[in-house]
Amino acid sequence: MALNVFSFYRGTCHLFYEDLSKAKPLPASPLTWVCGDLHLENFGSFKGDDRQEYFDLNDFDEAMLAPALWEVTRMATSIFVGFESLGLKSADADKTARRFIDIYSNVLSKGKALIIDPRTASGVVREFLDAVKKRKQKELLKLLAIGKKGKFTELLTDERHLQLDKSLREELINFITNLISKGELLNSNYKVLDCVFRLAGTGSLGINRYLFLLERTDTKGKYLFLDMKQALTSSLKPYVAIKQPRFASEGERVIAIQQRMQNVAPALLSSVLFKNEPYVLKQMQPIADKINFAELNGDCDAIEKIVADMAALTASAQLRSSGRQGSAIADELIAFGLNVDWHKAVFTYSRQYAAQAKKDYNEFLEGMAKDAATGQGL
């Protein structure tokens, strides 16, 4: 989070919504399902359960029922914050944020959800999907597992993948083995080889997350990775006054909303309970990735086109999940998309809040420095 203001913004979703709920700067907007933490790096590639590659929203830990403009405003703010962290001109940030708002509104007004896959993508997103599609499972194996002559036996441990206590490791392996034996997870025969604690995500420190290495027992040389992440209460919950539907667990909340908002859900996505705590389980894939904007070397035209795709996907996710357990029906979203009166309010607040995020970031750095000087930091 100390890397730059954008990293800080990504990891402090709760601050954004706390301030937004107090300021109340936005016009009324229809209730929709939102991923809750939408920003430039919460879109990415993945292989769906239909085995096809997609580019879509990809983080639903904070997902809830909320006003549509909460999602749009967090995303628009990330454009201003992200452009500053990339060293790009404020005029380009203004142009791109307006483009995002306009495209979102336009797609919403047409009432038809769009998808982006290798067949429909263009520009940088098409190149991105083509590149990740070529990646093979063996590349992921070489990166994360230890083996000889194509035979892998255990996971690597490093600063992001940590060894587990022996008893916990055995519990986790037995847990996944049991799911497989009951046919609740995989159709094929797999054996769990290893498990480690995984550190991933800017705002995920302190959350239990595990990586599993599985080997297929009926086909030689076939392996599979599973990611199991603890599901906590959404950061939006203290600030959303809207009554939420009741889900069986926080894990059920995450995957239910994800399945509604995405065109196709990632492979093996499911909710499980381990030691009475909810987790989200999914396949970890060699193609899963996000666009590295720093590698675009300040090409604002290319970035603007990517953001336009993100705007279309944001509107599409809201349309796709419309009319579900309290969310507005498509007709309301279409009418809202046709109304441009709210555009200025979103743009203005997002631009101003980027400055607030920078101020909070500087206070965060000062606090870290103070803690380090007094020996109170980690």
Protein backbone atom coordinates (compact mmCIF):
# COMPACT_ATOMS: atom_id res chain seq x y z
CA MET A 1 0.00 0.00 0.00
CA ALA A 2 2.97 2.31 0.50
CA LEU A 3 4.13 1.87 -3.11
CA ASN A 4 2.05 4.77 -4.46
CA VAL A 5 -1.29 6.48 -3.99
CA PHE A 6 -3.03 4.04 -6.35
CA SER A 7 -1.88 1.03 -4.31
CA PHE A 8 -3.13 2.79 -1.20
CA TYR A 9 -6.49 3.51 -2.86
CA ARG A 10 -6.84 -0.14 -3.87
CA GLY A 11 -6.28 -1.30 -0.31
CA THR A 12 -8.60 1.19 1.43
CA CYS A 13 -12.01 0.53 -0.05
CA HIS A 14 -13.58 1.16 3.37
CA LEU A 15 -12.23 4.74 3.54
CA PHE A 16 -13.75 5.57 0.18
CA TYR A 17 -17.23 4.42 1.16
CA GLU A 18 -17.06 5.92 4.62
CA ASP A 19 -16.35 9.33 3.06
CA LEU A 20 -18.92 8.84 0.29
CA SER A 21 -21.66 7.93 2.75
CA LYS A 22 -20.94 11.02 4.86
CA ALA A 23 -20.67 13.47 1.97
CA LYS A 24 -23.72 12.21 0.07
CA PRO A 25 -22.64 14.11 -3.06
CA LEU A 26 -24.38 11.98 -5.67
CA PRO A 27 -27.87 12.08 -7.18
CA ALA A 28 -30.17 9.14 -6.50
CA SER A 29 -29.48 6.10 -8.66
CA PRO A 30 -31.10 2.67 -9.11
CA LEU A 31 -30.10 -0.14 -6.78
CA THR A 32 -27.80 -2.63 -8.45
CA TRP A 33 -25.47 -5.44 -7.55
CA VAL A 34 -21.97 -4.00 -7.34
CA CYS A 35 -18.58 -5.66 -6.96
CA GLY A 36 -17.93 -2.94 -4.37
CA ASP A 37 -14.24 -2.37 -5.02
CA LEU A 38 -14.17 -1.47 -8.68
CA HIS A 39 -10.94 0.06 -9.96
CA LEU A 40 -8.57 -0.18 -12.91
CA GLU A 41 -6.94 -3.38 -11.65
CA ASN A 42 -10.09 -5.27 -10.72
CA PHE A 43 -10.69 -6.33 -14.31
CA GLY A 44 -8.80 -9.26 -15.76
CA SER A 45 -8.71 -12.47 -17.74
CA PHE A 46 -9.84 -15.89 -16.60
CA LYS A 47 -11.07 -19.17 -18.01
CA GLY A 48 -14.75 -19.70 -17.37
CA ASP A 49 -16.44 -22.95 -16.42
CA ASP A 50 -17.21 -23.32 -20.15
CA ARG A 51 -13.39 -23.44 -20.67
CA GLN A 52 -13.37 -20.22 -22.74
CA GLU A 53 -11.30 -17.12 -21.93
CA TYR A 54 -12.97 -13.89 -20.83
CA PHE A 55 -12.06 -10.35 -19.81
CA ASP A 56 -14.39 -9.10 -17.08
CA LEU A 57 -14.78 -7.76 -13.54
CA ASN A 58 -12.92 -10.21 -11.33
CA ASP A 59 -13.08 -9.28 -7.63
CA PHE A 60 -16.29 -9.65 -5.65
CA ASP A 61 -15.12 -9.83 -2.04
CA GLU A 62 -16.97 -6.59 -1.21
CA ALA A 63 -20.01 -7.24 -3.43
CA MET A 64 -23.38 -5.98 -2.20
CA LEU A 65 -26.64 -4.37 -3.25
CA ALA A 66 -25.97 -0.62 -3.49
CA PRO A 67 -26.72 2.49 -5.57
CA ALA A 68 -25.38 2.09 -9.11
CA LEU A 69 -23.38 5.31 -8.89
CA TRP A 70 -21.34 4.08 -5.93
CA GLU A 71 -19.66 1.59 -8.25
CA VAL A 72 -19.25 4.11 -11.06
CA THR A 73 -17.77 6.75 -8.76
CA ARG A 74 -15.21 4.41 -7.21
CA MET A 75 -14.09 3.37 -10.68
CA ALA A 76 -13.95 6.96 -11.98
CA THR A 77 -11.90 7.99 -8.94
CA SER A 78 -9.44 5.17 -9.66
CA ILE A 79 -8.83 6.71 -13.07
CA PHE A 80 -7.73 10.02 -11.54
CA VAL A 81 -5.66 8.29 -8.86
CA GLY A 82 -4.18 5.79 -11.30
CA PHE A 83 -3.19 8.39 -13.88
CA GLU A 84 -1.32 10.39 -11.24
CA SER A 85 0.55 7.30 -10.09
CA LEU A 86 1.48 6.60 -13.72
CA GLY A 87 2.75 10.16 -14.14
CA LEU A 88 0.14 11.03 -16.77
CA LYS A 89 -1.38 14.45 -17.38
CA SER A 90 -4.46 15.54 -15.46
CA ALA A 91 -6.08 16.56 -18.75
CA ASP A 92 -5.78 12.96 -19.96
CA ALA A 93 -7.31 11.73 -16.71
CA ASP A 94 -10.22 14.14 -17.20
CA LYS A 95 -10.78 12.89 -20.74
CA THR A 96 -10.61 9.22 -19.78
CA ALA A 97 -12.91 9.61 -16.76
CA ARG A 98 -15.49 11.38 -18.91
CA ARG A 99 -15.14 8.62 -21.48
CA PHE A 100 -15.78 5.98 -18.84
CA ILE A 101 -18.92 7.77 -17.59
CA ASP A 102 -20.24 8.30 -21.13
CA ILE A 103 -19.68 4.71 -22.27
CA TYR A 104 -21.17 3.29 -19.08
CA SER A 105 -24.26 5.44 -19.52
CA ASN A 106 -24.57 4.60 -23.22
CA VAL A 107 -24.33 0.83 -22.74
CA LEU A 108 -26.79 0.99 -19.86
CA SER A 109 -29.25 2.94 -22.00
CA LYS A 110 -29.29 0.18 -24.64
CA GLY A 111 -30.27 -2.44 -22.11
CA LYS A 112 -28.10 -5.21 -23.56
CA ALA A 113 -25.25 -6.80 -21.62
CA LEU A 114 -22.02 -7.22 -23.61
CA ILE A 115 -19.19 -9.74 -23.26
CA ILE A 116 -15.48 -9.45 -24.04
CA ASP A 117 -13.68 -12.60 -25.12
CA PRO A 118 -11.10 -13.33 -27.88
CA ARG A 119 -13.87 -13.12 -30.48
CA THR A 120 -15.21 -9.69 -29.48
CA ALA A 121 -12.14 -7.96 -28.01
CA SER A 122 -10.08 -5.38 -29.91
CA GLY A 123 -6.92 -3.33 -29.45
CA VAL A 124 -4.82 -3.89 -26.34
CA VAL A 125 -7.46 -6.08 -24.68
CA ARG A 126 -7.46 -8.40 -27.72
CA GLU A 127 -3.66 -8.58 -27.66
CA PHE A 128 -3.79 -9.20 -23.92
CA LEU A 129 -6.27 -12.08 -24.26
CA ASP A 130 -4.34 -13.60 -27.16
CA ALA A 131 -1.13 -13.51 -25.10
CA VAL A 132 -2.56 -15.05 -21.95
CA LYS A 133 -4.39 -17.71 -23.96
CA LYS A 134 -1.03 -19.06 -25.12
CA ARG A 135 0.17 -19.63 -21.59
CA LYS A 136 0.28 -23.23 -20.52
CA GLN A 137 -0.24 -24.98 -17.20
CA LYS A 138 3.39 -26.08 -17.22
CA GLU A 139 4.48 -22.42 -16.94
CA LEU A 140 2.46 -22.09 -13.74
CA LEU A 141 3.90 -25.37 -12.49
CA LYS A 142 7.46 -24.17 -13.04
CA LEU A 143 6.65 -20.93 -11.24
CA LEU A 144 4.89 -22.40 -8.20
CA ALA A 145 5.87 -26.06 -7.81
CA ILE A 146 8.96 -28.20 -7.28
CA GLY A 147 9.61 -31.18 -9.52
CA LYS A 148 11.95 -33.14 -11.74
CA LYS A 149 11.45 -34.36 -15.31
CA GLY A 150 7.85 -33.16 -15.40
CA LYS A 151 6.91 -34.81 -12.11
CA PHE A 152 5.83 -32.29 -9.47
CA THR A 153 5.49 -33.17 -5.81
CA GLU A 154 5.21 -29.99 -3.74
CA LEU A 155 4.70 -26.23 -3.82
CA LEU A 156 7.48 -23.70 -3.64
CA THR A 157 7.70 -21.50 -0.58
CA ASP A 158 8.87 -17.88 -0.83
CA GLU A 159 7.86 -14.44 0.47
CA ARG A 160 4.33 -14.91 -0.91
CA HIS A 161 3.88 -18.64 -0.30
CA LEU A 162 4.50 -19.74 3.28
CA GLN A 163 4.79 -23.14 4.92
CA LEU A 164 1.89 -24.18 7.14
CA ASP A 165 1.88 -25.74 10.55
CA LYS A 166 1.93 -29.51 10.01
CA SER A 167 -1.43 -30.16 11.65
CA LEU A 168 -3.18 -27.36 9.73
CA ARG A 169 -1.66 -28.56 6.47
CA GLU A 170 -3.02 -32.06 7.10
CA GLU A 171 -6.45 -30.67 7.95
CA LEU A 172 -6.57 -28.67 4.73
CA ILE A 173 -5.41 -31.56 2.57
CA ASN A 174 -7.97 -33.87 4.18
CA PHE A 175 -10.66 -31.23 3.66
CA ILE A 176 -10.07 -30.94 -0.11
CA THR A 177 -9.60 -34.72 -0.42
CA ASN A 178 -13.00 -35.19 1.20
CA LEU A 179 -14.66 -32.73 -1.20
CA ILE A 180 -13.15 -34.62 -4.13
CA SER A 181 -14.21 -38.03 -2.80
CA LYS A 182 -17.81 -36.82 -2.44
CA GLY A 183 -17.82 -35.49 -6.00
CA GLU A 184 -18.55 -31.98 -4.77
CA LEU A 185 -15.55 -30.37 -6.45
CA LEU A 186 -14.17 -32.25 -9.47
CA ASN A 187 -15.51 -34.77 -11.94
CA SER A 188 -12.11 -36.39 -12.45
CA ASN A 189 -9.88 -38.23 -10.01
CA TYR A 190 -7.35 -35.97 -8.27
CA LYS A 191 -4.94 -36.36 -5.38
CA VAL A 192 -3.90 -33.42 -3.18
CA LEU A 193 -0.10 -33.21 -3.12
CA ASP A 194 0.60 -30.07 -1.11
CA CYS A 195 -0.80 -26.91 0.43
CA VAL A 196 0.75 -23.55 1.45
CA PHE A 197 -0.45 -20.24 2.87
CA ARG A 198 -0.73 -17.65 0.11
CA LEU A 199 -0.28 -13.89 0.33
CA ALA A 200 -2.05 -12.10 -2.52
CA GLY A 201 -3.98 -8.86 -2.96
CA THR A 202 -3.18 -5.37 -1.70
CA GLY A 203 -5.91 -5.32 0.93
CA SER A 204 -5.81 -9.01 1.87
CA LEU A 205 -3.17 -9.20 4.59
CA GLY A 206 -4.55 -11.06 7.58
CA ILE A 207 -7.02 -13.05 5.50
CA ASN A 208 -6.58 -16.81 5.42
CA ARG A 209 -5.76 -17.91 1.91
CA TYR A 210 -4.40 -21.25 0.76
CA LEU A 211 -2.96 -22.66 -2.46
CA PHE A 212 -3.30 -26.38 -3.26
CA LEU A 213 -1.43 -28.51 -5.77
CA LEU A 214 -3.44 -31.44 -7.12
CA GLU A 215 -2.38 -34.26 -9.44
CA ARG A 216 -4.78 -36.16 -11.66
CA THR A 217 -4.57 -39.85 -10.85
CA ASP A 218 -6.01 -41.27 -14.06
CA THR A 219 -3.95 -39.19 -16.52
CA LYS A 220 -0.17 -38.86 -16.36
CA GLY A 221 1.33 -35.39 -16.06
CA LYS A 222 -1.92 -33.51 -15.35
CA TYR A 223 -1.96 -31.07 -12.43
CA LEU A 224 -4.34 -28.47 -11.07
CA PHE A 225 -4.06 -25.53 -8.67
CA LEU A 226 -6.81 -24.49 -6.29
CA ASP A 227 -7.08 -21.14 -4.49
CA MET A 228 -9.13 -21.04 -1.27
CA LYS A 229 -9.70 -17.61 0.25
CA GLN A 230 -11.50 -16.72 3.47
CA ALA A 231 -14.67 -14.68 2.85
CA LEU A 232 -15.18 -11.80 5.28
CA THR A 233 -17.98 -9.26 5.69
CA SER A 234 -18.05 -6.66 2.91
CA SER A 235 -16.29 -3.36 3.65
CA LEU A 236 -19.41 -1.60 2.38
CA LYS A 237 -21.73 -3.07 5.00
CA PRO A 238 -21.35 -0.29 7.63
CA TYR A 239 -22.16 2.37 5.04
CA VAL A 240 -25.02 0.83 3.04
CA ALA A 241 -28.40 1.47 4.64
CA ILE A 242 -30.18 -0.74 2.10
CA LYS A 243 -31.53 -4.02 3.45
CA GLN A 244 -29.52 -6.89 2.03
CA PRO A 245 -30.78 -10.33 1.06
CA ARG A 246 -29.80 -13.09 3.46
CA PHE A 247 -27.10 -15.47 2.26
CA ALA A 248 -26.08 -18.70 3.96
CA SER A 249 -22.55 -17.37 4.46
CA GLU A 250 -20.20 -14.61 3.30
CA GLY A 251 -18.79 -17.09 0.79
CA GLU A 252 -22.26 -17.70 -0.62
CA ARG A 253 -22.72 -13.93 -0.89
CA VAL A 254 -19.52 -13.54 -2.91
CA ILE A 255 -20.15 -16.31 -5.42
CA ALA A 256 -23.89 -15.63 -5.78
CA ILE A 257 -23.26 -12.01 -6.76
CA GLN A 258 -20.27 -12.93 -8.92
CA GLN A 259 -22.33 -15.46 -10.87
CA ARG A 260 -25.01 -12.84 -11.44
CA MET A 261 -22.68 -10.08 -12.59
CA GLN A 262 -20.21 -12.01 -14.74
CA ASN A 263 -21.22 -13.46 -18.09
CA VAL A 264 -19.53 -16.75 -17.16
CA ALA A 265 -18.06 -17.59 -13.76
CA PRO A 266 -14.47 -18.85 -13.34
CA ALA A 267 -13.82 -22.58 -13.33
CA LEU A 268 -14.62 -24.49 -10.11
CA LEU A 269 -15.99 -21.40 -8.34
CA SER A 270 -17.71 -22.53 -5.16
CA SER A 271 -18.33 -21.65 -1.52
CA VAL A 272 -17.10 -23.98 1.21
CA LEU A 273 -16.91 -24.05 5.01
CA PHE A 274 -13.59 -24.98 6.60
CA LYS A 275 -13.56 -25.18 10.40
CA ASN A 276 -16.92 -23.34 10.32
CA GLU A 277 -15.41 -20.38 8.45
CA PRO A 278 -16.63 -19.47 4.94
CA TYR A 279 -14.20 -19.60 2.02
CA VAL A 280 -14.37 -19.05 -1.73
CA LEU A 281 -12.74 -21.83 -3.73
CA LYS A 282 -11.74 -21.61 -7.39
CA GLN A 283 -9.22 -22.95 -9.85
CA MET A 284 -5.99 -20.97 -10.13
CA GLN A 285 -5.17 -20.68 -13.81
CA PRO A 286 -2.14 -19.84 -15.95
CA ILE A 287 -4.24 -17.37 -17.96
CA ALA A 288 -5.60 -15.41 -15.00
CA ASP A 289 -4.10 -11.93 -15.18
CA LYS A 290 -4.71 -8.20 -15.23
CA ILE A 291 -3.42 -5.54 -17.59
CA ASN A 292 -0.22 -3.82 -16.46
CA PHE A 293 -0.88 -0.17 -17.32
CA ALA A 294 2.72 0.80 -16.58
CA GLU A 295 3.83 -1.33 -19.54
CA LEU A 296 1.75 0.83 -21.90
CA ASN A 297 4.37 3.59 -21.46
CA GLY A 298 1.91 6.45 -21.14
CA ASP A 299 -0.08 5.59 -24.29
CA CYS A 300 -3.24 7.44 -23.25
CA ASP A 301 -5.16 6.46 -26.39
CA ALA A 302 -4.59 2.78 -25.63
CA ILE A 303 -5.50 3.27 -21.98
CA GLU A 304 -8.66 5.16 -22.92
CA LYS A 305 -9.79 2.27 -25.14
CA ILE A 306 -9.21 -0.23 -22.34
CA VAL A 307 -11.19 1.95 -19.93
CA ALA A 308 -14.01 2.14 -22.49
CA ASP A 309 -14.18 -1.66 -22.41
CA MET A 310 -14.25 -1.53 -18.62
CA ALA A 311 -17.14 0.93 -18.74
CA ALA A 312 -19.09 -1.36 -21.03
CA LEU A 313 -18.43 -4.31 -18.72
CA THR A 314 -19.53 -2.33 -15.65
CA ALA A 315 -22.86 -1.45 -17.23
CA SER A 316 -23.24 -4.99 -18.56
CA ALA A 317 -22.71 -6.52 -15.12
CA GLN A 318 -25.46 -4.31 -13.70
CA LEU A 319 -27.83 -5.17 -16.55
CA ARG A 320 -27.04 -8.87 -16.32
CA SER A 321 -27.88 -8.94 -12.60
CA SER A 322 -30.93 -6.67 -12.84
CA GLY A 323 -34.20 -7.63 -11.19
CA ARG A 324 -32.54 -9.99 -8.70
CA GLN A 325 -33.42 -9.77 -5.00
CA GLY A 326 -34.01 -6.04 -4.91
CA SER A 327 -31.88 -4.80 -7.78
CA ALA A 328 -33.54 -2.48 -10.32
CA ILE A 329 -35.10 -4.03 -13.40
CA ALA A 330 -33.57 -3.40 -16.82
CA ASP A 331 -36.15 -0.74 -17.71
CA GLU A 332 -35.04 1.39 -14.75
CA LEU A 333 -31.39 1.01 -15.70
CA ILE A 334 -32.13 1.93 -19.31
CA ALA A 335 -33.94 5.10 -18.19
CA PHE A 336 -31.06 5.95 -15.88
CA GLY A 337 -28.57 5.48 -18.70
CA LEU A 338 -30.56 7.85 -20.92
CA ASN A 339 -30.49 10.53 -18.21
CA VAL A 340 -27.17 12.41 -18.33
CA ASP A 341 -27.93 14.82 -15.47
CA TRP A 342 -25.83 12.78 -13.01
CA HIS A 343 -22.65 12.76 -15.15
CA LYS A 344 -21.24 16.02 -13.84
CA ALA A 345 -21.76 15.10 -10.19
CA VAL A 346 -19.86 11.81 -10.58
CA PHE A 347 -17.02 13.44 -12.50
CA THR A 348 -16.67 16.30 -10.01
CA TYR A 349 -16.72 14.15 -6.89
CA SER A 350 -14.32 11.59 -8.37
CA ARG A 351 -11.84 14.28 -9.37
CA GLN A 352 -12.00 15.93 -5.96
CA TYR A 353 -11.82 12.68 -4.04
CA ALA A 354 -8.59 11.73 -5.82
CA ALA A 355 -7.01 14.64 -3.95
CA GLN A 356 -8.44 13.30 -0.68
CA ALA A 357 -6.99 9.86 -1.42
CA LYS A 358 -3.58 11.46 -1.92
CA LYS A 359 -3.90 13.30 1.38
CA ASP A 360 -4.84 10.08 3.18
CA TYR A 361 -1.91 8.30 1.51
CA ASN A 362 0.55 10.93 2.73
CA GLU A 363 -0.84 10.61 6.27
CA PHE A 364 -0.42 6.85 5.96
CA LEU A 365 3.25 7.26 4.98
CA GLU A 366 3.80 9.68 7.87
CA GLY A 367 2.26 7.19 10.26
CA MET A 368 4.46 4.39 8.95
CA ALA A 369 7.55 6.55 9.34
CA LYS A 370 6.56 7.48 12.87
CA ASP A 371 5.95 3.86 13.83
CA ALA A 372 9.30 2.86 12.35
CA ALA A 373 11.09 5.60 14.29
CA THR A 374 9.48 4.60 17.58
CA GLY A 375 9.79 0.87 17.00
CA GLN A 376 6.01 0.32 16.86
CA GLY A 377 5.89 -0.84 13.24
CA LEU A 378 6.18 -4.41 12.05
